[in-house]
Amino acid sequence: MRAIIKFWLVFSLFFIASGLILTKLFYLQIKNGQYYEALALGQQIVFEEAESERGAIYSLNNKVLAQTFERSVVYILPNKIEQKEETANILAEIFKESPEDLLLKINENIIFKKEISEEQFIKVKALNLTGVVVDTLLSRAYPFSDFASHILGFVNQEGQGQYGVEGYYNEVIEGGTLFQAKALAPDFLFSFLKDNLLGKKGPSSLVLTLDYNLQYLAEKLLKEAKEQWNFDKAQIIILNPTNGKILTMALSPSFDPNNFFEVKEPNTFLNPALQELFEPGSVFKPITMAAGIEEGLVTAQTEYEDTGKVDLGGPAIYNFGKRVWGKQTMTDVLEESINTGAVFVEQKLGKDKFLKYVDSFGFFELTGVDLAGEVSSKNEGLKKGYPRDFASASFGQGIMMTSLQLMRAFSAIANGGKLVQPHIVEKIIYSDGEEKVIEPKLGEQVISQATSVQLTAMLVSVIKNGAGRKAAVPGYHLAGKTGTAQVPLKTGGYDEEKTIQSFIGYFPALNPQFLVFIRLDNPKQTNAASSSVAPIFGELAKYALDLYQIPPDY
């Protein structure tokens, strides 16, 4: 008896399921066949539209940086139109076009699509013309064109986020393609499938840590610097060194994510702040100095005798311009960016301790930033290097890193000794209104508070008395360091003409809220960061201090 009941139960379920499937097929193929034919064929010729709704992306100041919007389109299916001339006349009047041109296009018997206004959409839909189907499509838009493009990324023709937060948070922003489940099941099963098979919420929005005003000024300053110095590439990055929030990431050249398909060189999409390794040059010297101070091997007042060069086998190591400084303190070494002074500290540390601090400052690992495609170098060549290699690395030559790795290391110098994890998303707003705030992630204590304080005083002196004078802002203590790095050649050695000129600093020095890194790749008509990059830092610092209404130190 039970076997018979089971048989009829299974048979009934099979019969009901078959009926539902046949009903759905009738609905799709017969009743709305023309619509879905137009939609399917139309999507093959649409290049820029997103396939599903996506959440918006906002700046910290609630500016809409990316959003999905509906647009109206009409599909023309010439082989379904019987009265072609009459249809062309009717549509031409609505579209305010030439009937002859439209008829010519219809007579080509090729399906085509046209974007129309909402008013035109209503008129065409009301006519219910054979071979003419109206629809609304979802498109991704970036209202500020190329603004913060490397942070945002873009959405490709398949509706998938690429690069930036669009790529890293793609699944969060799109929230799952729920319509696929609905096409396979009746409505009363839809909620079950969504919760148990897809397991995703609807589209979620992102609020970034990005400060619109600081980003705007940084991009403006890069445009002005491009005109003045004609660099190849450039960066301005600002983050809060106490919590890792990225306030600004301005990169040049940029691109317009609305028209990403017009970009001819794919490398333009790469974010050099986290996807490009470089040798930092003298901005690395404070890291070496931090290690020496932490180990108790040097202080700000420790003296050494500079003879202008160091011989450790191979080519001699010289100071910039082959200058000889004589007796100097460690503070002088940072103020005047003396290469042999950094070597002096490295030699006191020795290979093992030097590598230990390079490791603990995070130069062998990713920062973990929430942007797509981050890279890092293991610096394997340095680990196996000779004494001269370690000497060169002490002032940032022969050691590779990304800009964000350098900034994370400097965050520890600024905030009292702890690494922070850079991040760009402040919070996620889910489709049901629930919000998830991204909590800052603090790393290990890599140097003591005492070392941080001593090194900060030395970096303040760099701006007050040293090569960073042009970065000063009256009334405020700013800490910083210049860097003019050589560019390595793939064949070995260094380019005789190209440089990377940079400045890294934080302020207010005694209670830092901003850590800034500015980098110009191969600027022309200048050979030192003190003249090209330091003034940009000063202008940016003054604006940020005023914007956040931070009172003067003195």
Protein backbone atom coordinates (compact mmCIF):
# COMPACT_ATOMS: atom_id res chain seq x y z
CA MET A 1 0.00 0.00 0.00
CA ARG A 2 2.80 2.41 0.93
CA ALA A 3 4.57 1.65 -2.33
CA ILE A 4 1.44 2.60 -4.30
CA ILE A 5 1.08 5.87 -2.35
CA LYS A 6 4.73 6.74 -2.98
CA PHE A 7 4.31 5.95 -6.68
CA TRP A 8 1.28 8.23 -7.07
CA LEU A 9 2.97 10.96 -4.99
CA VAL A 10 6.07 10.92 -7.19
CA PHE A 11 3.92 10.72 -10.34
CA SER A 12 1.80 13.69 -9.19
CA LEU A 13 4.85 15.81 -8.45
CA PHE A 14 6.34 14.89 -11.83
CA PHE A 15 3.05 15.76 -13.56
CA ILE A 16 2.81 19.14 -11.78
CA ALA A 17 6.46 19.95 -12.52
CA SER A 18 5.99 19.03 -16.19
CA GLY A 19 2.92 21.24 -16.35
CA LEU A 20 4.82 24.17 -14.84
CA ILE A 21 7.70 23.72 -17.27
CA LEU A 22 5.33 23.50 -20.29
CA THR A 23 3.48 26.59 -19.06
CA LYS A 24 6.76 28.45 -18.69
CA LEU A 25 7.90 27.37 -22.16
CA PHE A 26 4.60 28.57 -23.65
CA TYR A 27 5.02 31.87 -21.85
CA LEU A 28 8.60 32.31 -23.02
CA GLN A 29 8.41 30.96 -26.59
CA ILE A 30 4.86 31.71 -27.75
CA LYS A 31 3.31 34.56 -25.78
CA ASN A 32 6.48 36.65 -25.35
CA GLY A 33 8.67 35.07 -28.00
CA GLN A 34 9.14 38.26 -29.96
CA TYR A 35 10.18 40.17 -26.87
CA TYR A 36 12.81 37.67 -25.79
CA GLU A 37 14.10 37.29 -29.32
CA ALA A 38 14.66 41.03 -29.46
CA LEU A 39 16.18 41.09 -26.02
CA ALA A 40 18.56 38.22 -26.72
CA LEU A 41 19.68 39.56 -30.06
CA GLY A 42 19.82 43.09 -28.74
CA GLN A 43 22.17 42.17 -25.94
CA GLN A 44 24.64 40.89 -28.50
CA ILE A 45 25.11 44.37 -29.89
CA VAL A 46 24.98 46.26 -26.59
CA PHE A 47 28.49 47.00 -25.39
CA GLU A 48 28.26 49.15 -22.31
CA GLU A 49 25.22 47.94 -20.41
CA ALA A 50 25.41 46.04 -17.13
CA GLU A 51 23.48 42.76 -16.96
CA SER A 52 22.06 43.24 -13.48
CA GLU A 53 21.41 45.99 -11.01
CA ARG A 54 24.39 46.97 -8.87
CA GLY A 55 24.61 48.95 -5.69
CA ALA A 56 25.85 52.53 -5.72
CA ILE A 57 29.29 53.68 -4.60
CA TYR A 58 29.56 56.83 -2.47
CA SER A 59 32.42 58.98 -1.23
CA LEU A 60 32.80 59.74 2.47
CA ASN A 61 31.05 63.04 1.70
CA ASN A 62 28.01 61.22 0.19
CA LYS A 63 28.91 62.09 -3.39
CA VAL A 64 27.59 59.42 -5.79
CA LEU A 65 30.67 58.05 -7.57
CA ALA A 66 28.99 55.12 -9.35
CA GLN A 67 25.37 54.14 -9.84
CA THR A 68 23.07 51.96 -11.94
CA PHE A 69 20.27 53.66 -13.84
CA GLU A 70 17.51 52.63 -16.20
CA ARG A 71 17.43 53.72 -19.82
CA SER A 72 14.73 53.12 -22.39
CA VAL A 73 15.45 51.37 -25.69
CA VAL A 74 13.50 50.18 -28.68
CA TYR A 75 14.38 47.05 -30.67
CA ILE A 76 13.51 47.04 -34.37
CA LEU A 77 13.03 43.56 -35.90
CA PRO A 78 12.69 44.24 -39.67
CA ASN A 79 11.83 40.65 -40.62
CA LYS A 80 8.75 40.82 -38.34
CA ILE A 81 7.47 44.12 -39.78
CA GLU A 82 4.84 43.72 -42.52
CA GLN A 83 4.06 47.39 -43.27
CA LYS A 84 7.62 48.70 -43.29
CA GLU A 85 6.97 52.11 -44.84
CA GLU A 86 4.02 52.81 -42.54
CA THR A 87 6.00 51.70 -39.48
CA ALA A 88 8.96 53.86 -40.51
CA ASN A 89 6.70 56.93 -40.85
CA ILE A 90 5.10 56.37 -37.43
CA LEU A 91 8.41 55.86 -35.65
CA ALA A 92 10.14 58.70 -37.47
CA GLU A 93 7.51 61.13 -36.22
CA ILE A 94 8.01 59.96 -32.63
CA PHE A 95 11.80 59.94 -32.89
CA LYS A 96 11.93 63.27 -34.78
CA GLU A 97 13.92 61.62 -37.57
CA SER A 98 13.77 61.37 -41.34
CA PRO A 99 11.27 58.66 -42.43
CA GLU A 100 13.41 57.90 -45.48
CA ASP A 101 16.57 57.25 -43.37
CA LEU A 102 14.66 55.03 -40.95
CA LEU A 103 13.01 53.08 -43.78
CA LEU A 104 16.41 52.58 -45.40
CA LYS A 105 17.69 51.08 -42.16
CA ILE A 106 14.64 48.83 -41.79
CA ASN A 107 15.03 47.60 -45.38
CA GLU A 108 18.51 46.35 -44.53
CA ASN A 109 16.73 43.59 -42.59
CA ILE A 110 19.21 43.76 -39.69
CA ILE A 111 17.93 43.96 -36.12
CA PHE A 112 18.96 47.20 -34.51
CA LYS A 113 18.43 49.02 -31.25
CA LYS A 114 17.93 52.67 -30.42
CA GLU A 115 18.02 54.51 -27.10
CA ILE A 116 14.91 56.64 -26.58
CA SER A 117 13.47 59.05 -24.05
CA GLU A 118 10.89 58.06 -21.45
CA GLU A 119 8.22 59.99 -23.35
CA GLN A 120 9.08 58.18 -26.58
CA PHE A 121 9.07 54.86 -24.71
CA ILE A 122 5.47 55.45 -23.55
CA LYS A 123 4.29 56.41 -27.05
CA VAL A 124 5.90 53.43 -28.82
CA LYS A 125 4.72 50.97 -26.20
CA ALA A 126 1.12 52.22 -26.51
CA LEU A 127 1.15 51.60 -30.29
CA ASN A 128 2.06 47.90 -29.87
CA LEU A 129 3.60 47.77 -33.37
CA THR A 130 4.52 44.38 -34.82
CA GLY A 131 8.30 43.95 -34.96
CA VAL A 132 8.90 46.84 -32.55
CA VAL A 133 9.72 46.02 -28.93
CA VAL A 134 10.48 48.51 -26.16
CA ASP A 135 12.42 47.69 -23.02
CA THR A 136 14.36 49.27 -20.16
CA LEU A 137 18.00 48.35 -19.60
CA LEU A 138 20.30 48.83 -16.66
CA SER A 139 23.53 50.75 -17.23
CA ARG A 140 26.47 51.66 -14.98
CA ALA A 141 27.34 55.35 -14.80
CA TYR A 142 30.21 57.28 -13.22
CA PRO A 143 28.97 60.88 -12.83
CA PHE A 144 32.42 62.45 -12.39
CA SER A 145 34.06 60.94 -15.46
CA ASP A 146 37.70 60.00 -14.73
CA PHE A 147 37.52 61.09 -11.07
CA ALA A 148 39.09 58.44 -8.80
CA SER A 149 38.94 55.99 -11.69
CA HIS A 150 41.59 53.61 -10.36
CA ILE A 151 39.78 53.34 -7.04
CA LEU A 152 36.43 52.67 -8.71
CA GLY A 153 37.39 50.41 -11.63
CA PHE A 154 34.54 49.73 -14.08
CA VAL A 155 31.88 47.22 -15.11
CA ASN A 156 32.60 45.29 -18.31
CA GLN A 157 30.20 44.24 -21.07
CA GLU A 158 29.32 41.06 -19.17
CA GLY A 159 28.23 43.08 -16.16
CA GLN A 160 31.25 42.09 -14.04
CA GLY A 161 33.28 44.52 -11.99
CA GLN A 162 36.86 44.99 -13.12
CA TYR A 163 39.72 46.56 -11.13
CA GLY A 164 39.29 48.83 -8.11
CA VAL A 165 36.36 48.32 -5.74
CA GLU A 166 34.09 47.30 -8.63
CA GLY A 167 36.33 44.24 -9.04
CA TYR A 168 37.23 43.54 -5.41
CA TYR A 169 33.65 43.91 -4.12
CA ASN A 170 31.91 42.64 -7.27
CA GLU A 171 29.81 39.97 -5.55
CA VAL A 172 28.81 42.37 -2.77
CA ILE A 173 27.79 45.14 -5.16
CA GLU A 174 25.84 42.91 -7.55
CA GLY A 175 24.31 40.83 -4.74
CA GLY A 176 23.80 37.70 -6.86
CA THR A 177 21.98 37.24 -10.19
CA LEU A 178 18.63 36.34 -8.67
CA PHE A 179 16.61 36.45 -11.92
CA GLN A 180 18.30 33.23 -13.02
CA ALA A 181 16.72 31.35 -10.14
CA LYS A 182 13.32 32.91 -10.86
CA ALA A 183 13.42 31.64 -14.44
CA LEU A 184 13.80 28.08 -13.15
CA ALA A 185 11.05 28.05 -10.56
CA PRO A 186 7.56 29.39 -9.85
CA ASP A 187 7.29 32.41 -7.58
CA PHE A 188 6.31 30.45 -4.49
CA LEU A 189 9.67 28.58 -4.68
CA PHE A 190 11.71 31.69 -5.43
CA SER A 191 12.34 32.80 -1.85
CA PHE A 192 13.41 29.27 -0.92
CA LEU A 193 15.89 29.13 -3.80
CA LYS A 194 17.27 32.57 -2.99
CA ASP A 195 17.90 31.72 0.64
CA ASN A 196 19.11 28.16 0.21
CA LEU A 197 20.74 27.95 -3.23
CA LEU A 198 22.11 31.40 -3.96
CA GLY A 199 22.67 32.44 -0.38
CA LYS A 200 23.16 36.10 -1.35
CA LYS A 201 21.43 39.35 -0.56
CA GLY A 202 20.39 41.81 -3.22
CA PRO A 203 22.68 44.56 -4.54
CA SER A 204 24.64 46.34 -1.80
CA SER A 205 26.06 49.85 -1.83
CA LEU A 206 29.51 50.92 -0.69
CA VAL A 207 30.52 54.03 1.23
CA LEU A 208 34.22 54.69 0.67
CA THR A 209 36.73 56.27 3.02
CA LEU A 210 37.56 58.59 0.10
CA ASP A 211 37.31 62.30 0.88
CA TYR A 212 35.89 63.95 -2.25
CA ASN A 213 37.46 67.34 -1.52
CA LEU A 214 40.97 66.01 -0.90
CA GLN A 215 40.74 63.74 -3.95
CA TYR A 216 39.61 66.66 -6.11
CA LEU A 217 42.51 68.85 -4.99
CA ALA A 218 45.05 66.03 -5.41
CA GLU A 219 43.92 65.39 -8.98
CA LYS A 220 44.05 69.12 -9.69
CA LEU A 221 47.59 69.35 -8.30
CA LEU A 222 48.70 66.43 -10.48
CA LYS A 223 47.31 68.14 -13.58
CA GLU A 224 49.24 71.30 -12.70
CA ALA A 225 52.41 69.30 -12.00
CA LYS A 226 52.02 67.55 -15.34
CA GLU A 227 52.09 70.90 -17.10
CA GLN A 228 55.08 72.10 -15.09
CA TRP A 229 57.24 68.97 -14.94
CA ASN A 230 55.90 66.79 -17.77
CA PHE A 231 56.21 63.54 -15.80
CA ASP A 232 55.42 60.09 -17.23
CA LYS A 233 53.21 58.96 -14.34
CA ALA A 234 52.33 60.30 -10.89
CA GLN A 235 50.58 59.50 -7.61
CA ILE A 236 49.21 61.29 -4.58
CA ILE A 237 47.99 59.01 -1.80
CA ILE A 238 46.63 60.13 1.57
CA LEU A 239 45.66 57.80 4.38
CA ASN A 240 44.99 58.15 8.08
CA PRO A 241 48.02 56.51 9.76
CA THR A 242 46.05 55.60 12.90
CA ASN A 243 43.38 53.47 11.18
CA GLY A 244 44.50 52.89 7.57
CA LYS A 245 41.58 54.70 5.93
CA ILE A 246 42.54 55.80 2.41
CA LEU A 247 41.35 59.39 2.02
CA THR A 248 42.82 60.01 -1.42
CA MET A 249 44.36 58.00 -4.24
CA ALA A 250 44.96 60.28 -7.22
CA LEU A 251 46.81 58.70 -10.14
CA SER A 252 47.93 60.04 -13.48
CA PRO A 253 47.21 59.08 -16.20
CA SER A 254 43.62 58.14 -15.38
CA PHE A 255 40.74 56.86 -17.52
CA ASP A 256 36.99 57.36 -17.88
CA PRO A 257 35.18 54.22 -16.62
CA ASN A 258 32.10 55.28 -18.60
CA ASN A 259 34.13 54.72 -21.77
CA PHE A 260 36.64 52.11 -20.65
CA PHE A 261 36.42 50.42 -24.07
CA GLU A 262 38.09 53.45 -25.65
CA VAL A 263 41.32 52.84 -23.71
CA LYS A 264 43.93 51.48 -26.14
CA GLU A 265 46.59 50.47 -23.60
CA PRO A 266 45.30 47.89 -21.06
CA ASN A 267 48.06 48.80 -18.56
CA THR A 268 46.23 52.10 -18.07
CA PHE A 269 43.74 50.21 -15.89
CA LEU A 270 46.46 48.97 -13.53
CA ASN A 271 46.76 50.82 -10.24
CA PRO A 272 50.49 51.62 -9.82
CA ALA A 273 50.02 52.36 -6.11
CA LEU A 274 49.46 48.65 -5.46
CA GLN A 275 50.22 46.88 -8.73
CA GLU A 276 53.65 48.30 -9.58
CA LEU A 277 56.95 47.66 -7.80
CA PHE A 278 59.61 50.37 -7.63
CA GLU A 279 62.82 51.24 -5.82
CA PRO A 280 61.87 54.07 -3.43
CA GLY A 281 65.22 55.77 -2.92
CA SER A 282 65.81 58.07 0.03
CA VAL A 283 62.25 57.98 1.40
CA PHE A 284 63.32 54.55 2.70
CA LYS A 285 66.07 56.01 4.93
CA PRO A 286 63.72 56.61 7.90
CA ILE A 287 62.94 52.86 7.92
CA THR A 288 66.66 52.07 8.27
CA MET A 289 67.00 54.77 10.91
CA ALA A 290 64.00 53.40 12.84
CA ALA A 291 65.66 49.98 13.01
CA GLY A 292 68.92 51.48 14.29
CA ILE A 293 67.17 53.55 16.97
CA GLU A 294 64.96 50.64 18.04
CA GLU A 295 67.99 48.41 18.49
CA GLY A 296 69.72 51.07 20.57
CA LEU A 297 72.58 51.37 18.09
CA VAL A 298 72.09 55.05 17.20
CA THR A 299 70.22 58.12 18.44
CA ALA A 300 69.35 61.41 16.78
CA GLN A 301 72.66 62.85 18.04
CA THR A 302 74.94 59.92 17.08
CA GLU A 303 77.82 61.21 14.93
CA TYR A 304 79.85 59.65 12.12
CA GLU A 305 82.46 60.93 9.68
CA ASP A 306 81.30 61.14 6.07
CA THR A 307 84.09 60.78 3.50
CA GLY A 308 81.72 60.99 0.56
CA LYS A 309 81.76 57.31 -0.38
CA VAL A 310 81.70 53.73 0.89
CA ASP A 311 83.67 50.86 -0.71
CA LEU A 312 82.21 47.38 -0.20
CA GLY A 313 83.26 45.67 -3.42
CA GLY A 314 81.93 46.61 -6.82
CA PRO A 315 81.20 50.24 -7.68
CA ALA A 316 81.66 52.63 -4.75
CA ILE A 317 78.56 54.08 -3.06
CA TYR A 318 78.45 57.89 -3.24
CA ASN A 319 76.25 60.62 -1.85
CA PHE A 320 73.98 62.57 -4.17
CA GLY A 321 76.17 64.76 -6.35
CA LYS A 322 79.22 63.01 -4.84
CA ARG A 323 79.17 65.53 -2.02
CA VAL A 324 81.39 65.10 1.08
CA TRP A 325 79.69 66.18 4.33
CA GLY A 326 82.32 65.47 7.02
CA LYS A 327 81.13 64.97 10.60
CA GLN A 328 77.33 64.57 10.73
CA THR A 329 74.63 63.47 13.19
CA MET A 330 71.83 61.03 12.35
CA THR A 331 69.44 63.98 12.23
CA ASP A 332 71.75 65.59 9.64
CA VAL A 333 71.66 62.33 7.65
CA LEU A 334 67.89 62.64 7.25
CA GLU A 335 67.88 66.42 6.81
CA GLU A 336 70.37 66.37 3.94
CA SER A 337 69.55 62.81 2.75
CA ILE A 338 73.09 61.48 3.05
CA ASN A 339 73.48 58.00 1.55
CA THR A 340 76.60 57.05 3.49
CA GLY A 341 74.79 57.88 6.75
CA ALA A 342 72.12 55.27 5.99
CA VAL A 343 74.89 52.77 5.18
CA PHE A 344 76.51 53.60 8.53
CA VAL A 345 73.30 52.57 10.35
CA GLU A 346 72.83 49.42 8.23
CA GLN A 347 76.37 48.26 8.97
CA LYS A 348 75.75 48.66 12.70
CA LEU A 349 72.60 46.56 12.33
CA GLY A 350 74.15 43.81 10.25
CA LYS A 351 72.43 41.71 7.57
CA ASP A 352 70.17 39.66 9.84
CA LYS A 353 68.78 42.53 11.89
CA PHE A 354 68.37 44.71 8.82
CA LEU A 355 66.33 41.96 7.09
CA LYS A 356 64.36 41.40 10.29
CA TYR A 357 63.10 45.01 10.20
CA VAL A 358 62.48 44.98 6.45
CA ASP A 359 60.28 41.96 7.14
CA SER A 360 58.53 43.34 10.23
CA PHE A 361 57.75 46.60 8.41
CA GLY A 362 55.85 44.49 5.85
CA PHE A 363 58.03 44.70 2.74
CA PHE A 364 57.85 40.96 2.04
CA GLU A 365 54.05 40.71 2.03
CA LEU A 366 50.83 42.23 0.69
CA THR A 367 49.22 45.06 2.64
CA GLY A 368 45.79 43.42 2.34
CA VAL A 369 44.16 46.53 0.87
CA ASP A 370 40.61 45.98 -0.40
CA LEU A 371 41.37 46.86 -4.02
CA ALA A 372 41.73 44.34 -6.82
CA GLY A 373 45.08 43.04 -8.04
CA GLU A 374 47.58 43.96 -5.31
CA VAL A 375 51.14 42.65 -5.78
CA SER A 376 54.26 42.55 -3.62
CA SER A 377 57.88 41.54 -3.93
CA LYS A 378 59.54 38.88 -1.79
CA ASN A 379 62.86 40.68 -2.46
CA GLU A 380 64.55 37.29 -2.80
CA GLY A 381 67.56 38.85 -4.52
CA LEU A 382 68.19 41.11 -1.54
CA LYS A 383 67.93 38.22 0.94
CA LYS A 384 70.71 36.40 -0.91
CA GLY A 385 72.73 39.54 -1.59
CA TYR A 386 76.24 40.71 -0.77
CA PRO A 387 77.22 43.41 1.76
CA ARG A 388 77.03 46.08 -0.93
CA ASP A 389 73.43 45.05 -1.73
CA PHE A 390 72.38 45.62 1.88
CA ALA A 391 74.25 48.92 1.99
CA SER A 392 72.38 50.10 -1.13
CA ALA A 393 69.05 48.89 0.27
CA SER A 394 69.58 51.05 3.37
CA PHE A 395 68.87 54.14 1.25
CA GLY A 396 66.18 52.53 -0.91
CA GLN A 397 68.18 51.21 -3.85
CA GLY A 398 67.97 47.53 -4.83
CA ILE A 399 64.88 46.90 -2.70
CA MET A 400 61.44 46.68 -4.33
CA MET A 401 58.03 47.64 -2.96
CA THR A 402 54.70 49.24 -3.83
CA SER A 403 53.66 52.72 -2.77
CA LEU A 404 51.10 51.26 -0.35
CA GLN A 405 53.71 49.02 1.27
CA LEU A 406 55.86 52.08 1.89
CA MET A 407 52.89 53.98 3.36
CA ARG A 408 51.93 51.11 5.64
CA ALA A 409 55.50 51.02 6.98
CA PHE A 410 55.44 54.79 7.58
CA SER A 411 52.12 54.50 9.41
CA ALA A 412 54.03 52.75 12.21
CA ILE A 413 56.55 55.60 12.40
CA ALA A 414 53.69 58.11 12.58
CA ASN A 415 51.27 56.41 14.99
CA GLY A 416 53.55 55.14 17.73
CA GLY A 417 54.80 51.90 16.25
CA LYS A 418 51.91 49.83 14.83
CA LEU A 419 51.32 48.83 11.24
CA VAL A 420 47.83 49.51 9.88
CA GLN A 421 46.03 47.77 7.05
CA PRO A 422 45.07 50.26 4.32
CA HIS A 423 41.41 50.07 3.31
CA ILE A 424 39.10 52.05 1.03
CA VAL A 425 35.59 50.94 2.09
CA GLU A 426 34.09 52.62 5.14
CA LYS A 427 30.91 50.56 5.24
CA ILE A 428 28.62 48.27 3.23
CA ILE A 429 24.91 49.08 3.01
CA TYR A 430 22.95 45.92 2.20
CA SER A 431 19.73 45.91 0.20
CA ASP A 432 17.64 45.35 3.34
CA GLY A 433 19.09 48.48 4.97
CA GLU A 434 21.50 46.64 7.23
CA GLU A 435 24.90 48.29 7.49
CA LYS A 436 28.32 46.75 8.11
CA VAL A 437 31.07 49.14 9.20
CA ILE A 438 34.58 48.02 8.22
CA GLU A 439 36.66 48.00 11.36
CA PRO A 440 40.32 49.11 11.11
CA LYS A 441 42.91 46.33 11.40
CA LEU A 442 46.03 47.09 13.39
CA GLY A 443 49.10 44.92 12.99
CA GLU A 444 52.02 44.19 15.27
CA GLN A 445 54.05 46.74 17.22
CA VAL A 446 57.16 46.97 15.03
CA ILE A 447 58.88 49.81 16.88
CA SER A 448 58.37 51.34 20.31
CA GLN A 449 56.53 54.55 21.09
CA ALA A 450 59.89 56.06 22.12
CA THR A 451 61.46 55.26 18.74
CA SER A 452 58.43 56.70 16.96
CA VAL A 453 58.68 59.95 18.94
CA GLN A 454 62.44 60.32 18.37
CA LEU A 455 62.19 59.64 14.65
CA THR A 456 59.23 62.01 14.29
CA ALA A 457 61.33 64.81 15.81
CA MET A 458 64.08 64.06 13.28
CA LEU A 459 61.58 64.14 10.38
CA VAL A 460 60.15 67.43 11.64
CA SER A 461 63.67 68.80 11.44
CA VAL A 462 63.89 67.65 7.80
CA ILE A 463 61.08 70.06 6.91
CA LYS A 464 62.20 72.85 9.23
CA ASN A 465 65.92 72.78 8.51
CA GLY A 466 66.64 70.29 5.72
CA ALA A 467 65.80 69.35 2.15
CA GLY A 468 62.06 69.44 2.87
CA ARG A 469 61.85 73.18 3.62
CA LYS A 470 59.50 73.86 0.70
CA ALA A 471 56.95 71.49 2.28
CA ALA A 472 56.53 73.61 5.41
CA VAL A 473 53.21 75.10 6.53
CA PRO A 474 53.54 78.09 8.93
CA GLY A 475 52.26 77.36 12.43
CA TYR A 476 52.34 73.56 12.13
CA HIS A 477 54.83 70.79 12.85
CA LEU A 478 55.03 68.53 9.80
CA ALA A 479 57.23 65.43 9.54
CA GLY A 480 58.56 64.29 6.17
CA LYS A 481 61.30 63.02 3.91
CA THR A 482 62.29 63.68 0.31
CA GLY A 483 63.42 61.00 -2.13
CA THR A 484 65.07 61.09 -5.52
CA ALA A 485 65.49 57.52 -6.75
CA GLN A 486 67.27 56.13 -9.76
CA VAL A 487 65.29 53.94 -12.15
CA PRO A 488 66.74 50.43 -12.66
CA LEU A 489 67.21 49.08 -16.19
CA LYS A 490 66.04 45.59 -17.14
CA THR A 491 69.52 44.92 -18.49
CA GLY A 492 71.14 45.90 -15.18
CA GLY A 493 72.41 49.17 -13.81
CA TYR A 494 70.42 52.41 -13.69
CA ASP A 495 69.06 54.88 -16.20
CA GLU A 496 71.33 57.91 -16.45
CA GLU A 497 68.47 60.34 -17.07
CA LYS A 498 65.27 59.08 -15.43
CA THR A 499 64.40 59.53 -11.75
CA ILE A 500 61.46 58.92 -9.44
CA GLN A 501 61.01 61.97 -7.23
CA SER A 502 58.89 61.57 -4.12
CA PHE A 503 57.94 62.97 -0.75
CA ILE A 504 56.38 61.15 2.20
CA GLY A 505 55.22 62.89 5.34
CA TYR A 506 52.55 63.15 8.03
CA PHE A 507 50.83 65.88 10.01
CA PRO A 508 50.16 67.24 12.53
CA ALA A 509 53.41 65.61 13.57
CA LEU A 510 52.45 65.15 17.24
CA ASN A 511 48.94 63.86 16.49
CA PRO A 512 49.01 62.67 12.86
CA GLN A 513 45.75 62.42 10.95
CA PHE A 514 47.19 62.49 7.44
CA LEU A 515 50.00 60.44 5.92
CA VAL A 516 50.80 61.66 2.40
CA PHE A 517 52.90 60.10 -0.35
CA ILE A 518 53.57 62.04 -3.56
CA ARG A 519 55.48 60.47 -6.43
CA LEU A 520 56.44 61.81 -9.86
CA ASP A 521 57.92 59.32 -12.32
CA ASN A 522 60.54 60.86 -14.59
CA PRO A 523 59.74 64.58 -14.23
CA LYS A 524 61.64 66.81 -16.65
CA GLN A 525 63.78 69.90 -15.99
CA THR A 526 64.33 68.97 -12.32
CA ASN A 527 66.73 66.61 -10.63
CA ALA A 528 65.55 66.73 -7.00
CA ALA A 529 62.30 66.10 -5.11
CA SER A 530 63.01 69.10 -2.87
CA SER A 531 62.06 71.42 -5.74
CA SER A 532 59.40 69.37 -7.57
CA VAL A 533 57.42 67.37 -4.98
CA ALA A 534 57.95 69.12 -1.63
CA PRO A 535 55.94 72.24 -2.64
CA ILE A 536 53.01 70.01 -3.68
CA PHE A 537 53.08 68.38 -0.24
CA GLY A 538 53.01 71.80 1.42
CA GLU A 539 50.02 73.00 -0.59
CA LEU A 540 48.11 69.79 0.04
CA ALA A 541 48.93 69.85 3.76
CA LYS A 542 47.73 73.44 4.17
CA TYR A 543 44.44 72.62 2.44
CA ALA A 544 43.85 69.48 4.53
CA LEU A 545 44.61 71.30 7.81
CA ASP A 546 42.18 74.08 6.89
CA LEU A 547 39.53 71.66 5.60
CA TYR A 548 39.53 69.64 8.82
CA GLN A 549 39.86 72.80 10.94
CA ILE A 550 42.93 71.58 12.80
CA PRO A 551 44.31 74.39 15.00
CA PRO A 552 47.97 75.48 14.64
CA ASP A 553 50.68 73.97 16.85
CA TYR A 554 52.28 77.34 17.57
